[in-house]
């Protein structure tokens, strides 16, 4: 994973055990790739154009992108089967609102 960590995912989703870490990592990688595909940008382009810098000079992914990624992971974790209309609309609406400003059109 490029911007998510297992610890970050577990904190967000309130998971206290380690037995599903490999599954969470898979969900995290899928969420990151999904967002990069939707916004039509590479990781390097995303952090170069929109990222902030930490105290060490490292470029960071914008917070809305991290939040959207965590929402996707949590939805994948909570609803492991095919999504129902009740849960997918709310998640996608929130993700869309968070990542739309970073989309490259055309």
PDB file of N, CA and C in Angstrom:
ATOM      1  N   UNK A   1       0.843  -1.179   0.000  1.00  0.00           N
ATOM      2  CA  UNK A   1       0.000   0.000   0.000  1.00  0.00           C
ATOM      3  C   UNK A   1       0.886   1.239   0.000  1.00  0.00           C
ATOM      4  N   UNK A   2       0.422   2.271  -0.689  1.00  0.00           N
ATOM      5  CA  UNK A   2       1.222   3.484  -0.818  1.00  0.00           C
ATOM      6  C   UNK A   2       0.900   4.536   0.239  1.00  0.00           C
ATOM      7  N   UNK A   3      -0.360   4.667   0.611  1.00  0.00           N
ATOM      8  CA  UNK A   3      -0.689   5.676   1.623  1.00  0.00           C
ATOM      9  C   UNK A   3      -1.451   5.129   2.812  1.00  0.00           C
ATOM     10  N   UNK A   4      -2.046   3.996   2.703  1.00  0.00           N
ATOM     11  CA  UNK A   4      -2.704   3.375   3.844  1.00  0.00           C
ATOM     12  C   UNK A   4      -1.738   2.445   4.570  1.00  0.00           C
ATOM     13  N   UNK A   5      -1.983   2.223   5.826  1.00  0.00           N
ATOM     14  CA  UNK A   5      -1.236   1.220   6.592  1.00  0.00           C
ATOM     15  C   UNK A   5      -2.257   0.341   7.310  1.00  0.00           C
ATOM     16  N   UNK A   6      -1.824  -0.836   7.688  1.00  0.00           N
ATOM     17  CA  UNK A   6      -2.692  -1.738   8.440  1.00  0.00           C
ATOM     18  C   UNK A   6      -3.150  -1.054   9.733  1.00  0.00           C
ATOM     19  N   UNK A   7      -2.249  -0.367  10.402  1.00  0.00           N
ATOM     20  CA  UNK A   7      -2.595   0.300  11.655  1.00  0.00           C
ATOM     21  C   UNK A   7      -3.668   1.368  11.434  1.00  0.00           C
ATOM     22  N   UNK A   8      -3.528   2.122  10.369  1.00  0.00           N
ATOM     23  CA  UNK A   8      -4.495   3.173  10.042  1.00  0.00           C
ATOM     24  C   UNK A   8      -5.865   2.564   9.745  1.00  0.00           C
ATOM     25  N   UNK A   9      -5.874   1.499   8.962  1.00  0.00           N
ATOM     26  CA  UNK A   9      -7.122   0.812   8.613  1.00  0.00           C
ATOM     27  C   UNK A   9      -7.789   0.262   9.872  1.00  0.00           C
ATOM     28  N   UNK A  10      -7.002  -0.389  10.723  1.00  0.00           N
ATOM     29  CA  UNK A  10      -7.560  -0.998  11.931  1.00  0.00           C
ATOM     30  C   UNK A  10      -8.096   0.056  12.894  1.00  0.00           C
ATOM     31  N   UNK A  11      -7.440   1.175  12.983  1.00  0.00           N
ATOM     32  CA  UNK A  11      -7.932   2.261  13.830  1.00  0.00           C
ATOM     33  C   UNK A  11      -9.245   2.801  13.283  1.00  0.00           C
ATOM     34  N   UNK A  12      -9.288   3.051  11.993  1.00  0.00           N
ATOM     35  CA  UNK A  12     -10.500   3.572  11.359  1.00  0.00           C
ATOM     36  C   UNK A  12     -11.681   2.615  11.524  1.00  0.00           C
ATOM     37  N   UNK A  13     -11.428   1.344  11.326  1.00  0.00           N
ATOM     38  CA  UNK A  13     -12.497   0.337  11.355  1.00  0.00           C
ATOM     39  C   UNK A  13     -12.705  -0.280  12.737  1.00  0.00           C
ATOM     40  N   UNK A  14     -11.936   0.186  13.709  1.00  0.00           N
ATOM     41  CA  UNK A  14     -12.034  -0.294  15.095  1.00  0.00           C
ATOM     42  C   UNK A  14     -11.850  -1.810  15.182  1.00  0.00           C
ATOM     43  N   UNK A  15     -10.751  -2.271  14.597  1.00  0.00           N
ATOM     44  CA  UNK A  15     -10.410  -3.690  14.609  1.00  0.00           C
ATOM     45  C   UNK A  15      -9.243  -3.868  15.572  1.00  0.00           C
ATOM     46  N   UNK A  16      -9.416  -4.753  16.563  1.00  0.00           N
ATOM     47  CA  UNK A  16      -8.406  -4.926  17.612  1.00  0.00           C
ATOM     48  C   UNK A  16      -7.582  -6.208  17.486  1.00  0.00           C
ATOM     49  N   UNK A  17      -7.809  -6.996  16.479  1.00  0.00           N
ATOM     50  CA  UNK A  17      -7.121  -8.281  16.356  1.00  0.00           C
ATOM     51  C   UNK A  17      -6.302  -8.306  15.066  1.00  0.00           C
ATOM     52  N   UNK A  18      -5.384  -9.281  14.980  1.00  0.00           N
ATOM     53  CA  UNK A  18      -4.439  -9.343  13.868  1.00  0.00           C
ATOM     54  C   UNK A  18      -4.735 -10.437  12.849  1.00  0.00           C
ATOM     55  N   UNK A  19      -5.708 -11.287  13.106  1.00  0.00           N
ATOM     56  CA  UNK A  19      -5.903 -12.473  12.272  1.00  0.00           C
ATOM     57  C   UNK A  19      -6.347 -12.159  10.843  1.00  0.00           C
ATOM     58  N   UNK A  20      -6.826 -10.944  10.576  1.00  0.00           N
ATOM     59  CA  UNK A  20      -7.276 -10.607   9.229  1.00  0.00           C
ATOM     60  C   UNK A  20      -6.427  -9.526   8.568  1.00  0.00           C
ATOM     61  N   UNK A  21      -5.213  -9.347   9.041  1.00  0.00           N
ATOM     62  CA  UNK A  21      -4.343  -8.313   8.485  1.00  0.00           C
ATOM     63  C   UNK A  21      -4.095  -8.488   6.995  1.00  0.00           C
ATOM     64  N   UNK A  22      -3.908  -9.715   6.541  1.00  0.00           N
ATOM     65  CA  UNK A  22      -3.646  -9.926   5.112  1.00  0.00           C
ATOM     66  C   UNK A  22      -4.865  -9.536   4.279  1.00  0.00           C
ATOM     67  N   UNK A  23      -6.053  -9.803   4.783  1.00  0.00           N
ATOM     68  CA  UNK A  23      -7.279  -9.406   4.093  1.00  0.00           C
ATOM     69  C   UNK A  23      -7.396  -7.882   4.059  1.00  0.00           C
ATOM     70  N   UNK A  24      -7.093  -7.233   5.170  1.00  0.00           N
ATOM     71  CA  UNK A  24      -7.152  -5.772   5.223  1.00  0.00           C
ATOM     72  C   UNK A  24      -6.132  -5.153   4.269  1.00  0.00           C
ATOM     73  N   UNK A  25      -4.974  -5.767   4.148  1.00  0.00           N
ATOM     74  CA  UNK A  25      -3.973  -5.270   3.215  1.00  0.00           C
ATOM     75  C   UNK A  25      -4.478  -5.394   1.771  1.00  0.00           C
ATOM     76  N   UNK A  26      -5.104  -6.507   1.455  1.00  0.00           N
ATOM     77  CA  UNK A  26      -5.684  -6.682   0.121  1.00  0.00           C
ATOM     78  C   UNK A  26      -6.738  -5.607  -0.148  1.00  0.00           C
ATOM     79  N   UNK A  27      -7.632  -5.384   0.822  1.00  0.00           N
ATOM     80  CA  UNK A  27      -8.651  -4.349   0.665  1.00  0.00           C
ATOM     81  C   UNK A  27      -8.020  -2.967   0.522  1.00  0.00           C
ATOM     82  N   UNK A  28      -6.959  -2.716   1.272  1.00  0.00           N
ATOM     83  CA  UNK A  28      -6.283  -1.421   1.182  1.00  0.00           C
ATOM     84  C   UNK A  28      -5.653  -1.197  -0.178  1.00  0.00           C
ATOM     85  N   UNK A  29      -4.979  -2.202  -0.694  1.00  0.00           N
ATOM     86  CA  UNK A  29      -4.372  -2.086  -2.025  1.00  0.00           C
ATOM     87  C   UNK A  29      -5.442  -1.887  -3.089  1.00  0.00           C
ATOM     88  N   UNK A  30      -6.535  -2.623  -2.974  1.00  0.00           N
ATOM     89  CA  UNK A  30      -7.628  -2.487  -3.937  1.00  0.00           C
ATOM     90  C   UNK A  30      -8.250  -1.093  -3.865  1.00  0.00           C
ATOM     91  N   UNK A  31      -8.436  -0.569  -2.654  1.00  0.00           N
ATOM     92  CA  UNK A  31      -9.025   0.765  -2.495  1.00  0.00           C
ATOM     93  C   UNK A  31      -8.129   1.830  -3.108  1.00  0.00           C
ATOM     94  N   UNK A  32      -6.832   1.746  -2.841  1.00  0.00           N
ATOM     95  CA  UNK A  32      -5.903   2.728  -3.411  1.00  0.00           C
ATOM     96  C   UNK A  32      -5.924   2.680  -4.937  1.00  0.00           C
ATOM     97  N   UNK A  33      -5.852   1.488  -5.488  1.00  0.00           N
ATOM     98  CA  UNK A  33      -5.845   1.349  -6.948  1.00  0.00           C
ATOM     99  C   UNK A  33      -7.162   1.817  -7.547  1.00  0.00           C
ATOM    100  N   UNK A  34      -8.271   1.520  -6.875  1.00  0.00           N
ATOM    101  CA  UNK A  34      -9.574   1.967  -7.358  1.00  0.00           C
ATOM    102  C   UNK A  34      -9.629   3.488  -7.433  1.00  0.00           C
ATOM    103  N   UNK A  35      -9.159   4.143  -6.402  1.00  0.00           N
ATOM    104  CA  UNK A  35      -9.185   5.609  -6.397  1.00  0.00           C
ATOM    105  C   UNK A  35      -8.278   6.177  -7.473  1.00  0.00           C
ATOM    106  N   UNK A  36      -7.088   5.631  -7.629  1.00  0.00           N
ATOM    107  CA  UNK A  36      -6.198   6.118  -8.689  1.00  0.00           C
ATOM    108  C   UNK A  36      -6.835   5.923 -10.059  1.00  0.00           C
ATOM    109  N   UNK A  37      -7.526   4.804 -10.255  1.00  0.00           N
ATOM    110  CA  UNK A  37      -8.205   4.565 -11.531  1.00  0.00           C
ATOM    111  C   UNK A  37      -9.333   5.560 -11.751  1.00  0.00           C
ATOM    112  N   UNK A  38     -10.112   5.819 -10.715  1.00  0.00           N
ATOM    113  CA  UNK A  38     -11.249   6.738 -10.849  1.00  0.00           C
ATOM    114  C   UNK A  38     -10.780   8.155 -11.140  1.00  0.00           C
ATOM    115  N   UNK A  39      -9.740   8.606 -10.446  1.00  0.00           N
ATOM    116  CA  UNK A  39      -9.292   9.991 -10.651  1.00  0.00           C
ATOM    117  C   UNK A  39      -8.378  10.126 -11.870  1.00  0.00           C
ATOM    118  N   UNK A  40      -8.026   8.993 -12.468  1.00  0.00           N
ATOM    119  CA  UNK A  40      -7.225   8.988 -13.692  1.00  0.00           C
ATOM    120  C   UNK A  40      -5.861   9.653 -13.482  1.00  0.00           C
ATOM    121  N   UNK A  41      -5.231   9.331 -12.363  1.00  0.00           N
ATOM    122  CA  UNK A  41      -3.905   9.865 -12.043  1.00  0.00           C
ATOM    123  C   UNK A  41      -3.035   8.754 -11.483  1.00  0.00           C
ATOM    124  N   UNK A  42      -1.732   8.922 -11.622  1.00  0.00           N
ATOM    125  CA  UNK A  42      -0.787   8.019 -10.971  1.00  0.00           C
ATOM    126  C   UNK A  42      -0.560   8.520  -9.547  1.00  0.00           C
ATOM    127  N   UNK A  43      -0.001   7.657  -8.727  1.00  0.00           N
ATOM    128  CA  UNK A  43       0.328   8.052  -7.355  1.00  0.00           C
ATOM    129  C   UNK A  43       1.267   9.259  -7.373  1.00  0.00           C
ATOM    130  N   UNK A  44       2.309   9.196  -8.195  1.00  0.00           N
ATOM    131  CA  UNK A  44       3.281  10.290  -8.252  1.00  0.00           C
ATOM    132  C   UNK A  44       2.631  11.605  -8.685  1.00  0.00           C
ATOM    133  N   UNK A  45       1.750  11.535  -9.660  1.00  0.00           N
ATOM    134  CA  UNK A  45       1.056  12.733 -10.118  1.00  0.00           C
ATOM    135  C   UNK A  45       0.146  13.291  -9.018  1.00  0.00           C
ATOM    136  N   UNK A  46      -0.524  12.409  -8.309  1.00  0.00           N
ATOM    137  CA  UNK A  46      -1.418  12.832  -7.229  1.00  0.00           C
ATOM    138  C   UNK A  46      -0.659  13.598  -6.147  1.00  0.00           C
ATOM    139  N   UNK A  47       0.438  13.028  -5.662  1.00  0.00           N
ATOM    140  CA  UNK A  47       1.159  13.704  -4.578  1.00  0.00           C
ATOM    141  C   UNK A  47       1.904  14.939  -5.074  1.00  0.00           C
ATOM    142  N   UNK A  48       2.364  14.918  -6.321  1.00  0.00           N
ATOM    143  CA  UNK A  48       3.077  16.076  -6.851  1.00  0.00           C
ATOM    144  C   UNK A  48       2.138  17.277  -7.013  1.00  0.00           C
ATOM    145  N   UNK A  49       0.953  17.014  -7.538  1.00  0.00           N
ATOM    146  CA  UNK A  49       0.026  18.105  -7.827  1.00  0.00           C
ATOM    147  C   UNK A  49      -0.783  18.553  -6.605  1.00  0.00           C
ATOM    148  N   UNK A  50      -1.173  17.612  -5.750  1.00  0.00           N
ATOM    149  CA  UNK A  50      -2.100  17.936  -4.661  1.00  0.00           C
ATOM    150  C   UNK A  50      -1.566  17.648  -3.261  1.00  0.00           C
ATOM    151  N   UNK A  51      -0.464  16.935  -3.152  1.00  0.00           N
ATOM    152  CA  UNK A  51       0.017  16.510  -1.849  1.00  0.00           C
ATOM    153  C   UNK A  51       0.588  17.634  -1.012  1.00  0.00           C
ATOM    154  N   UNK A  52       0.556  17.421   0.275  1.00  0.00           N
ATOM    155  CA  UNK A  52       1.197  18.349   1.200  1.00  0.00           C
ATOM    156  C   UNK A  52       2.547  17.744   1.586  1.00  0.00           C
ATOM    157  N   UNK A  53       3.319  18.483   2.339  1.00  0.00           N
ATOM    158  CA  UNK A  53       4.642  18.023   2.733  1.00  0.00           C
ATOM    159  C   UNK A  53       4.698  17.897   4.248  1.00  0.00           C
ATOM    160  N   UNK A  54       5.289  16.796   4.725  1.00  0.00           N
ATOM    161  CA  UNK A  54       5.438  16.639   6.168  1.00  0.00           C
ATOM    162  C   UNK A  54       6.718  17.330   6.630  1.00  0.00           C
ATOM    163  N   UNK A  55       7.027  17.218   7.893  1.00  0.00           N
ATOM    164  CA  UNK A  55       8.191  17.874   8.463  1.00  0.00           C
ATOM    165  C   UNK A  55       9.518  17.406   7.883  1.00  0.00           C
ATOM    166  N   UNK A  56       9.535  16.229   7.287  1.00  0.00           N
ATOM    167  CA  UNK A  56      10.764  15.692   6.691  1.00  0.00           C
ATOM    168  C   UNK A  56      10.867  15.981   5.207  1.00  0.00           C
ATOM    169  N   UNK A  57       9.898  16.687   4.660  1.00  0.00           N
ATOM    170  CA  UNK A  57       9.921  17.005   3.238  1.00  0.00           C
ATOM    171  C   UNK A  57       9.281  15.940   2.364  1.00  0.00           C
ATOM    172  N   UNK A  58       8.699  14.917   2.973  1.00  0.00           N
ATOM    173  CA  UNK A  58       8.026  13.872   2.203  1.00  0.00           C
ATOM    174  C   UNK A  58       6.658  14.362   1.756  1.00  0.00           C
ATOM    175  N   UNK A  59       6.293  14.024   0.514  1.00  0.00           N
ATOM    176  CA  UNK A  59       4.980  14.393  -0.010  1.00  0.00           C
ATOM    177  C   UNK A  59       3.922  13.434   0.530  1.00  0.00           C
ATOM    178  N   UNK A  60       2.796  13.987   0.948  1.00  0.00           N
ATOM    179  CA  UNK A  60       1.704  13.207   1.511  1.00  0.00           C
ATOM    180  C   UNK A  60       0.478  13.280   0.617  1.00  0.00           C
ATOM    181  N   UNK A  61      -0.276  12.207   0.566  1.00  0.00           N
ATOM    182  CA  UNK A  61      -1.533  12.159  -0.170  1.00  0.00           C
ATOM    183  C   UNK A  61      -2.542  13.062   0.541  1.00  0.00           C
ATOM    184  N   UNK A  62      -3.371  13.788  -0.208  1.00  0.00           N
ATOM    185  CA  UNK A  62      -4.371  14.654   0.435  1.00  0.00           C
ATOM    186  C   UNK A  62      -5.304  13.868   1.358  1.00  0.00           C
ATOM    187  N   UNK A  63      -5.689  14.487   2.449  1.00  0.00           N
ATOM    188  CA  UNK A  63      -6.552  13.839   3.447  1.00  0.00           C
ATOM    189  C   UNK A  63      -7.862  13.305   2.865  1.00  0.00           C
ATOM    190  N   UNK A  64      -8.534  14.017   1.942  1.00  0.00           N
ATOM    191  CA  UNK A  64      -9.771  13.452   1.392  1.00  0.00           C
ATOM    192  C   UNK A  64      -9.556  12.127   0.653  1.00  0.00           C
ATOM    193  N   UNK A  65      -8.418  11.965   0.030  1.00  0.00           N
ATOM    194  CA  UNK A  65      -8.111  10.711  -0.670  1.00  0.00           C
ATOM    195  C   UNK A  65      -7.918   9.591   0.357  1.00  0.00           C
ATOM    196  N   UNK A  66      -7.231   9.886   1.447  1.00  0.00           N
ATOM    197  CA  UNK A  66      -7.051   8.891   2.505  1.00  0.00           C
ATOM    198  C   UNK A  66      -8.401   8.513   3.102  1.00  0.00           C
ATOM    199  N   UNK A  67      -9.225   9.511   3.376  1.00  0.00           N
ATOM    200  CA  UNK A  67     -10.547   9.252   3.952  1.00  0.00           C
ATOM    201  C   UNK A  67     -11.381   8.380   3.014  1.00  0.00           C
ATOM    202  N   UNK A  68     -11.406   8.696   1.734  1.00  0.00           N
ATOM    203  CA  UNK A  68     -12.162   7.901   0.762  1.00  0.00           C
ATOM    204  C   UNK A  68     -11.646   6.466   0.715  1.00  0.00           C
ATOM    205  N   UNK A  69     -10.334   6.303   0.773  1.00  0.00           N
ATOM    206  CA  UNK A  69      -9.732   4.963   0.765  1.00  0.00           C
ATOM    207  C   UNK A  69     -10.189   4.160   1.974  1.00  0.00           C
ATOM    208  N   UNK A  70     -10.180   4.804   3.130  1.00  0.00           N
ATOM    209  CA  UNK A  70     -10.619   4.122   4.350  1.00  0.00           C
ATOM    210  C   UNK A  70     -12.098   3.749   4.287  1.00  0.00           C
ATOM    211  N   UNK A  71     -12.899   4.599   3.680  1.00  0.00           N
ATOM    212  CA  UNK A  71     -14.320   4.276   3.518  1.00  0.00           C
ATOM    213  C   UNK A  71     -14.517   3.044   2.641  1.00  0.00           C
ATOM    214  N   UNK A  72     -13.745   2.959   1.567  1.00  0.00           N
ATOM    215  CA  UNK A  72     -13.846   1.801   0.673  1.00  0.00           C
ATOM    216  C   UNK A  72     -13.405   0.538   1.397  1.00  0.00           C
ATOM    217  N   UNK A  73     -12.290   0.619   2.118  1.00  0.00           N
ATOM    218  CA  UNK A  73     -11.802  -0.553   2.857  1.00  0.00           C
ATOM    219  C   UNK A  73     -12.832  -0.996   3.886  1.00  0.00           C
ATOM    220  N   UNK A  74     -13.363  -0.059   4.648  1.00  0.00           N
ATOM    221  CA  UNK A  74     -14.320  -0.416   5.686  1.00  0.00           C
ATOM    222  C   UNK A  74     -15.578  -1.037   5.087  1.00  0.00           C
ATOM    223  N   UNK A  75     -16.043  -0.494   3.972  1.00  0.00           N
ATOM    224  CA  UNK A  75     -17.214  -1.067   3.317  1.00  0.00           C
ATOM    225  C   UNK A  75     -16.913  -2.483   2.826  1.00  0.00           C
ATOM    226  N   UNK A  76     -15.740  -2.684   2.263  1.00  0.00           N
ATOM    227  CA  UNK A  76     -15.352  -4.025   1.795  1.00  0.00           C
ATOM    228  C   UNK A  76     -15.252  -5.002   2.960  1.00  0.00           C
ATOM    229  N   UNK A  77     -14.759  -4.533   4.080  1.00  0.00           N
ATOM    230  CA  UNK A  77     -14.599  -5.390   5.254  1.00  0.00           C
ATOM    231  C   UNK A  77     -15.955  -5.730   5.888  1.00  0.00           C
ATOM    232  N   UNK A  78     -16.805  -4.726   6.035  1.00  0.00           N
ATOM    233  CA  UNK A  78     -18.093  -4.925   6.690  1.00  0.00           C
ATOM    234  C   UNK A  78     -19.074  -5.725   5.830  1.00  0.00           C
ATOM    235  N   UNK A  79     -19.008  -5.519   4.525  1.00  0.00           N
ATOM    236  CA  UNK A  79     -19.944  -6.159   3.604  1.00  0.00           C
ATOM    237  C   UNK A  79     -19.140  -6.953   2.583  1.00  0.00           C
ATOM    238  N   UNK A  80     -18.726  -8.136   2.951  1.00  0.00           N
ATOM    239  CA  UNK A  80     -17.817  -8.934   2.125  1.00  0.00           C
ATOM    240  C   UNK A  80     -18.476  -9.539   0.905  1.00  0.00           C
ATOM    241  N   UNK A  81     -19.770  -9.648   0.919  1.00  0.00           N
ATOM    242  CA  UNK A  81     -20.484 -10.168  -0.246  1.00  0.00           C
ATOM    243  C   UNK A  81     -20.799  -9.000  -1.183  1.00  0.00           C
ATOM    244  N   UNK A  82     -21.510  -9.296  -2.241  1.00  0.00           N
ATOM    245  CA  UNK A  82     -21.918  -8.234  -3.163  1.00  0.00           C
ATOM    246  C   UNK A  82     -22.690  -7.171  -2.396  1.00  0.00           C
ATOM    247  N   UNK A  83     -22.473  -5.930  -2.772  1.00  0.00           N
ATOM    248  CA  UNK A  83     -23.098  -4.815  -2.070  1.00  0.00           C
ATOM    249  C   UNK A  83     -24.609  -4.793  -2.289  1.00  0.00           C
ATOM    250  N   UNK A  84     -25.301  -4.357  -1.275  1.00  0.00           N
ATOM    251  CA  UNK A  84     -26.737  -4.145  -1.388  1.00  0.00           C
ATOM    252  C   UNK A  84     -26.978  -2.684  -1.742  1.00  0.00           C
ATOM    253  N   UNK A  85     -28.108  -2.351  -2.324  1.00  0.00           N
ATOM    254  CA  UNK A  85     -28.372  -0.942  -2.653  1.00  0.00           C
ATOM    255  C   UNK A  85     -28.292  -0.025  -1.433  1.00  0.00           C
ATOM    256  N   UNK A  86     -28.668  -0.517  -0.272  1.00  0.00           N
ATOM    257  CA  UNK A  86     -28.664   0.324   0.921  1.00  0.00           C
ATOM    258  C   UNK A  86     -27.253   0.754   1.319  1.00  0.00           C
ATOM    259  N   UNK A  87     -26.266  -0.134   1.219  1.00  0.00           N
ATOM    260  CA  UNK A  87     -24.929   0.254   1.680  1.00  0.00           C
ATOM    261  C   UNK A  87     -24.060   0.823   0.576  1.00  0.00           C
ATOM    262  N   UNK A  88     -24.251   0.450  -0.651  1.00  0.00           N
ATOM    263  CA  UNK A  88     -23.348   0.915  -1.701  1.00  0.00           C
ATOM    264  C   UNK A  88     -23.594   2.374  -2.064  1.00  0.00           C
ATOM    265  N   UNK A  89     -24.828   2.835  -2.062  1.00  0.00           N
ATOM    266  CA  UNK A  89     -25.092   4.209  -2.452  1.00  0.00           C
ATOM    267  C   UNK A  89     -24.466   5.202  -1.487  1.00  0.00           C
ATOM    268  N   UNK A  90     -24.608   4.974  -0.210  1.00  0.00           N
ATOM    269  CA  UNK A  90     -24.053   5.888   0.779  1.00  0.00           C
ATOM    270  C   UNK A  90     -22.541   5.926   0.702  1.00  0.00           C
ATOM    271  N   UNK A  91     -21.920   4.776   0.562  1.00  0.00           N
ATOM    272  CA  UNK A  91     -20.458   4.736   0.480  1.00  0.00           C
ATOM    273  C   UNK A  91     -19.968   5.418  -0.790  1.00  0.00           C
ATOM    274  N   UNK A  92     -20.558   5.078  -1.928  1.00  0.00           N
ATOM    275  CA  UNK A  92     -20.097   5.672  -3.178  1.00  0.00           C
ATOM    276  C   UNK A  92     -20.332   7.170  -3.223  1.00  0.00           C
ATOM    277  N   UNK A  93     -21.430   7.637  -2.666  1.00  0.00           N
ATOM    278  CA  UNK A  93     -21.685   9.070  -2.643  1.00  0.00           C
ATOM    279  C   UNK A  93     -20.603   9.780  -1.837  1.00  0.00           C
ATOM    280  N   UNK A  94     -20.268   9.246  -0.676  1.00  0.00           N
ATOM    281  CA  UNK A  94     -19.223   9.851   0.152  1.00  0.00           C
ATOM    282  C   UNK A  94     -17.859   9.816  -0.510  1.00  0.00           C
ATOM    283  N   UNK A  95     -17.516   8.692  -1.112  1.00  0.00           N
ATOM    284  CA  UNK A  95     -16.231   8.565  -1.808  1.00  0.00           C
ATOM    285  C   UNK A  95     -16.179   9.533  -2.980  1.00  0.00           C
ATOM    286  N   UNK A  96     -17.249   9.587  -3.758  1.00  0.00           N
ATOM    287  CA  UNK A  96     -17.300  10.478  -4.916  1.00  0.00           C
ATOM    288  C   UNK A  96     -17.098  11.928  -4.499  1.00  0.00           C
ATOM    289  N   UNK A  97     -17.759  12.340  -3.442  1.00  0.00           N
ATOM    290  CA  UNK A  97     -17.627  13.718  -2.972  1.00  0.00           C
ATOM    291  C   UNK A  97     -16.199  14.032  -2.531  1.00  0.00           C
ATOM    292  N   UNK A  98     -15.523  13.058  -1.964  1.00  0.00           N
ATOM    293  CA  UNK A  98     -14.155  13.284  -1.477  1.00  0.00           C
ATOM    294  C   UNK A  98     -13.132  13.311  -2.605  1.00  0.00           C
ATOM    295  N   UNK A  99     -13.306  12.489  -3.637  1.00  0.00           N
ATOM    296  CA  UNK A  99     -12.255  12.388  -4.649  1.00  0.00           C
ATOM    297  C   UNK A  99     -12.515  13.208  -5.900  1.00  0.00           C
ATOM    298  N   UNK A 100     -13.729  13.685  -6.080  1.00  0.00           N
ATOM    299  CA  UNK A 100     -14.061  14.425  -7.309  1.00  0.00           C
ATOM    300  C   UNK A 100     -13.116  15.602  -7.604  1.00  0.00           C
ATOM    301  N   UNK A 101     -12.689  16.385  -6.612  1.00  0.00           N
ATOM    302  CA  UNK A 101     -11.787  17.506  -6.927  1.00  0.00           C
ATOM    303  C   UNK A 101     -10.421  17.074  -7.480  1.00  0.00           C
ATOM    304  N   UNK A 102     -10.066  15.818  -7.350  1.00  0.00           N
ATOM    305  CA  UNK A 102      -8.756  15.341  -7.788  1.00  0.00           C
ATOM    306  C   UNK A 102      -8.805  14.635  -9.151  1.00  0.00           C
ATOM    307  N   UNK A 103      -9.995  14.545  -9.742  1.00  0.00           N
ATOM    308  CA  UNK A 103     -10.149  13.840 -11.019  1.00  0.00           C
ATOM    309  C   UNK A 103      -9.523  14.629 -12.155  1.00  0.00           C
ATOM    310  N   UNK A 104      -8.863  13.891 -13.017  1.00  0.00           N
ATOM    311  CA  UNK A 104      -8.337  14.469 -14.262  1.00  0.00           C
ATOM    312  C   UNK A 104      -9.324  14.110 -15.355  1.00  0.00           C
ATOM    313  N   UNK A 105      -9.875  15.103 -15.972  1.00  0.00           N
ATOM    314  CA  UNK A 105     -10.858  14.881 -17.019  1.00  0.00           C
ATOM    315  C   UNK A 105     -10.180  14.790 -18.370  1.00  0.00           C
ATOM    316  N   UNK A 106     -10.781  14.020 -19.245  1.00  0.00           N
ATOM    317  CA  UNK A 106     -10.298  13.953 -20.624  1.00  0.00           C
ATOM    318  C   UNK A 106      -9.238  12.971 -20.885  1.00  0.00           C
TER     319      UNK A 106
END
